[in-house]
Amino acid sequence: MEVEDKLNFENNPRIKGMIGDEKIIYTDKIQRKNFDFISRIIDRDLLLTNLAIYDITGNNVNRRIKIEDLKGITISKTSNQFVLHCNQNEYDYLYIYENMKKLIKILQSLYESLTSKIYYFARKLKMI
C-alpha cells in the first residue's frame, strides 16, 4: 500500500513516539462533527496507520480507534460526510472529508487484511 503522508508525520518525533512501530499509511486534514450542546465542526488531523485511526490536534492524540474495532461506514449521498461505526467500547464518529472515497477504500483494504472479514457499508443516507 502506497504511503500518503500529507502532514509529514513521518518526520514528527512526537507523533512517531506515540504510534511506536505502527506504519503511517495516510495523513490529512479532516473535519469532525461534534454533537454536544450545539452542533459544531472541529478541524482535526487524521493519521491512519496499519493498525489504527488517530484523531489528532496539534501533537496530541484525541482518539485512537483500532481498525479491527470498526463495524461499518454510513456514507452520505448528498455531501462528503460519513460515519465510522465502532464497537461497543467506542462511540461512532461523524466526519466531513473531501477525499472520503479514497480514505474509505484504504480503510476497507486495511480492515480486510487485518481481520479477513469484509468491511460493510451502510446504504447511502442523507446526513445532517
Protein backbone atom coordinates (compact mmCIF):
# COMPACT_ATOMS: atom_id res chain seq x y z
CA MET A 1 0.00 0.00 0.00
CA GLU A 2 1.37 3.39 -1.02
CA VAL A 3 2.04 5.87 1.80
CA GLU A 4 0.46 9.32 1.50
CA ASP A 5 1.72 11.48 4.37
CA LYS A 6 0.35 14.95 3.51
CA LEU A 7 1.01 16.23 7.05
CA ASN A 8 4.61 14.96 7.19
CA PHE A 9 4.02 13.00 10.42
CA GLU A 10 6.82 10.62 9.43
CA ASN A 11 9.25 13.42 10.40
CA ASN A 12 7.43 14.41 13.61
CA PRO A 13 9.26 12.80 16.57
CA ARG A 14 6.35 13.30 18.99
CA ILE A 15 3.85 11.61 16.68
CA LYS A 16 6.31 8.83 15.81
CA GLY A 17 6.86 8.25 19.53
CA MET A 18 3.11 7.95 20.14
CA ILE A 19 2.49 5.41 17.39
CA GLY A 20 5.52 3.22 18.12
CA ASP A 21 6.12 0.54 15.49
CA GLU A 22 2.91 1.26 13.57
CA LYS A 23 3.43 2.26 9.94
CA ILE A 24 1.99 5.51 8.66
CA ILE A 25 -0.31 4.87 5.70
CA TYR A 26 -2.22 8.14 5.25
CA THR A 27 -2.42 11.61 6.83
CA ASP A 28 -4.51 14.66 6.01
CA LYS A 29 -6.67 17.42 7.43
CA ILE A 30 -10.24 16.33 8.22
CA GLN A 31 -13.27 17.77 9.98
CA ARG A 32 -15.27 16.07 12.70
CA LYS A 33 -18.82 16.99 13.54
CA ASN A 34 -19.49 17.22 17.28
CA PHE A 35 -22.90 16.96 18.85
CA ASP A 36 -22.56 18.20 22.41
CA PHE A 37 -24.71 21.15 23.42
CA ILE A 38 -24.55 22.56 19.92
CA SER A 39 -23.61 21.03 16.61
CA ARG A 40 -20.17 22.24 15.63
CA ILE A 41 -17.47 21.32 13.18
CA ILE A 42 -13.95 20.79 14.51
CA ASP A 43 -10.77 20.71 12.42
CA ARG A 44 -8.56 17.71 13.11
CA ASP A 45 -5.54 15.94 11.72
CA LEU A 46 -6.18 12.40 10.55
CA LEU A 47 -3.47 9.78 10.92
CA LEU A 48 -4.11 6.32 9.55
CA THR A 49 -1.61 3.59 10.34
CA ASN A 50 -1.54 -0.09 9.51
CA LEU A 51 -3.37 -0.74 12.83
CA ALA A 52 -5.39 2.33 13.86
CA ILE A 53 -7.03 5.62 13.06
CA TYR A 54 -5.85 8.63 15.07
CA ASP A 55 -7.78 11.86 15.64
CA ILE A 56 -5.10 14.46 16.38
CA THR A 57 -5.00 18.12 17.42
CA GLY A 58 -1.54 19.65 17.21
CA ASN A 59 0.77 16.99 18.63
CA ASN A 60 -1.88 15.44 20.89
CA VAL A 61 -3.87 12.31 20.15
CA ASN A 62 -7.56 12.82 20.97
CA ARG A 63 -8.67 9.33 19.96
CA ARG A 64 -7.15 6.11 18.73
CA ILE A 65 -9.52 3.64 17.11
CA LYS A 66 -8.20 0.20 16.22
CA ILE A 67 -9.11 -0.63 12.64
CA GLU A 68 -10.34 -4.04 13.72
CA ASP A 69 -12.86 -2.29 16.04
CA LEU A 70 -14.63 -0.69 13.07
CA LYS A 71 -18.03 -2.20 12.34
CA GLY A 72 -19.04 -0.31 9.21
CA ILE A 73 -19.49 3.01 7.46
CA THR A 74 -22.53 5.07 6.58
CA ILE A 75 -21.91 7.36 3.62
CA SER A 76 -23.89 10.48 2.78
CA LYS A 77 -25.40 10.63 -0.68
CA THR A 78 -25.63 14.44 -0.58
CA SER A 79 -22.32 15.54 0.93
CA ASN A 80 -18.77 14.46 1.90
CA GLN A 81 -19.95 13.25 5.30
CA PHE A 82 -19.54 9.73 6.59
CA VAL A 83 -19.91 7.93 9.91
CA LEU A 84 -17.41 5.40 11.19
CA HIS A 85 -19.31 2.85 13.26
CA CYS A 86 -17.21 1.32 16.03
CA ASN A 87 -17.61 -1.47 18.56
CA GLN A 88 -19.28 -1.01 21.94
CA ASN A 89 -16.11 0.45 23.51
CA GLU A 90 -16.04 3.46 21.18
CA TYR A 91 -18.70 5.86 20.03
CA ASP A 92 -19.34 6.48 16.34
CA TYR A 93 -17.61 9.37 14.57
CA LEU A 94 -19.14 11.71 12.00
CA TYR A 95 -16.51 13.14 9.67
CA ILE A 96 -16.51 15.54 6.75
CA TYR A 97 -13.77 14.90 4.21
CA GLU A 98 -13.46 15.80 0.54
CA ASN A 99 -11.45 12.65 -0.27
CA MET A 100 -13.74 10.31 1.65
CA LYS A 101 -13.93 7.69 -1.12
CA LYS A 102 -10.15 7.33 -1.17
CA LEU A 103 -9.95 7.13 2.62
CA ILE A 104 -12.74 4.55 2.79
CA LYS A 105 -11.01 2.35 0.20
CA ILE A 106 -7.82 2.43 2.27
CA LEU A 107 -9.75 1.64 5.48
CA GLN A 108 -11.57 -1.21 3.75
CA SER A 109 -8.31 -2.71 2.49
CA LEU A 110 -6.63 -2.43 5.91
CA TYR A 111 -9.66 -3.87 7.73
CA GLU A 112 -9.91 -6.83 5.39
CA SER A 113 -6.18 -7.58 5.63
CA LEU A 114 -6.24 -7.41 9.46
CA THR A 115 -9.43 -9.39 10.06
CA SER A 116 -10.02 -11.47 6.91
CA LYS A 117 -13.59 -10.10 7.02
CA ILE A 118 -15.43 -7.87 4.57
CA TYR A 119 -15.83 -4.25 5.64
CA TYR A 120 -19.51 -3.35 5.41
CA PHE A 121 -21.05 -0.15 4.09
CA ALA A 122 -24.50 1.04 5.05
CA ARG A 123 -26.67 2.37 2.27
CA LYS A 124 -26.07 5.97 1.45
CA LEU A 125 -28.18 8.26 3.61
CA LYS A 126 -28.94 11.96 3.70
CA MET A 127 -26.82 13.38 6.51
CA ILE A 128 -27.45 16.49 8.59
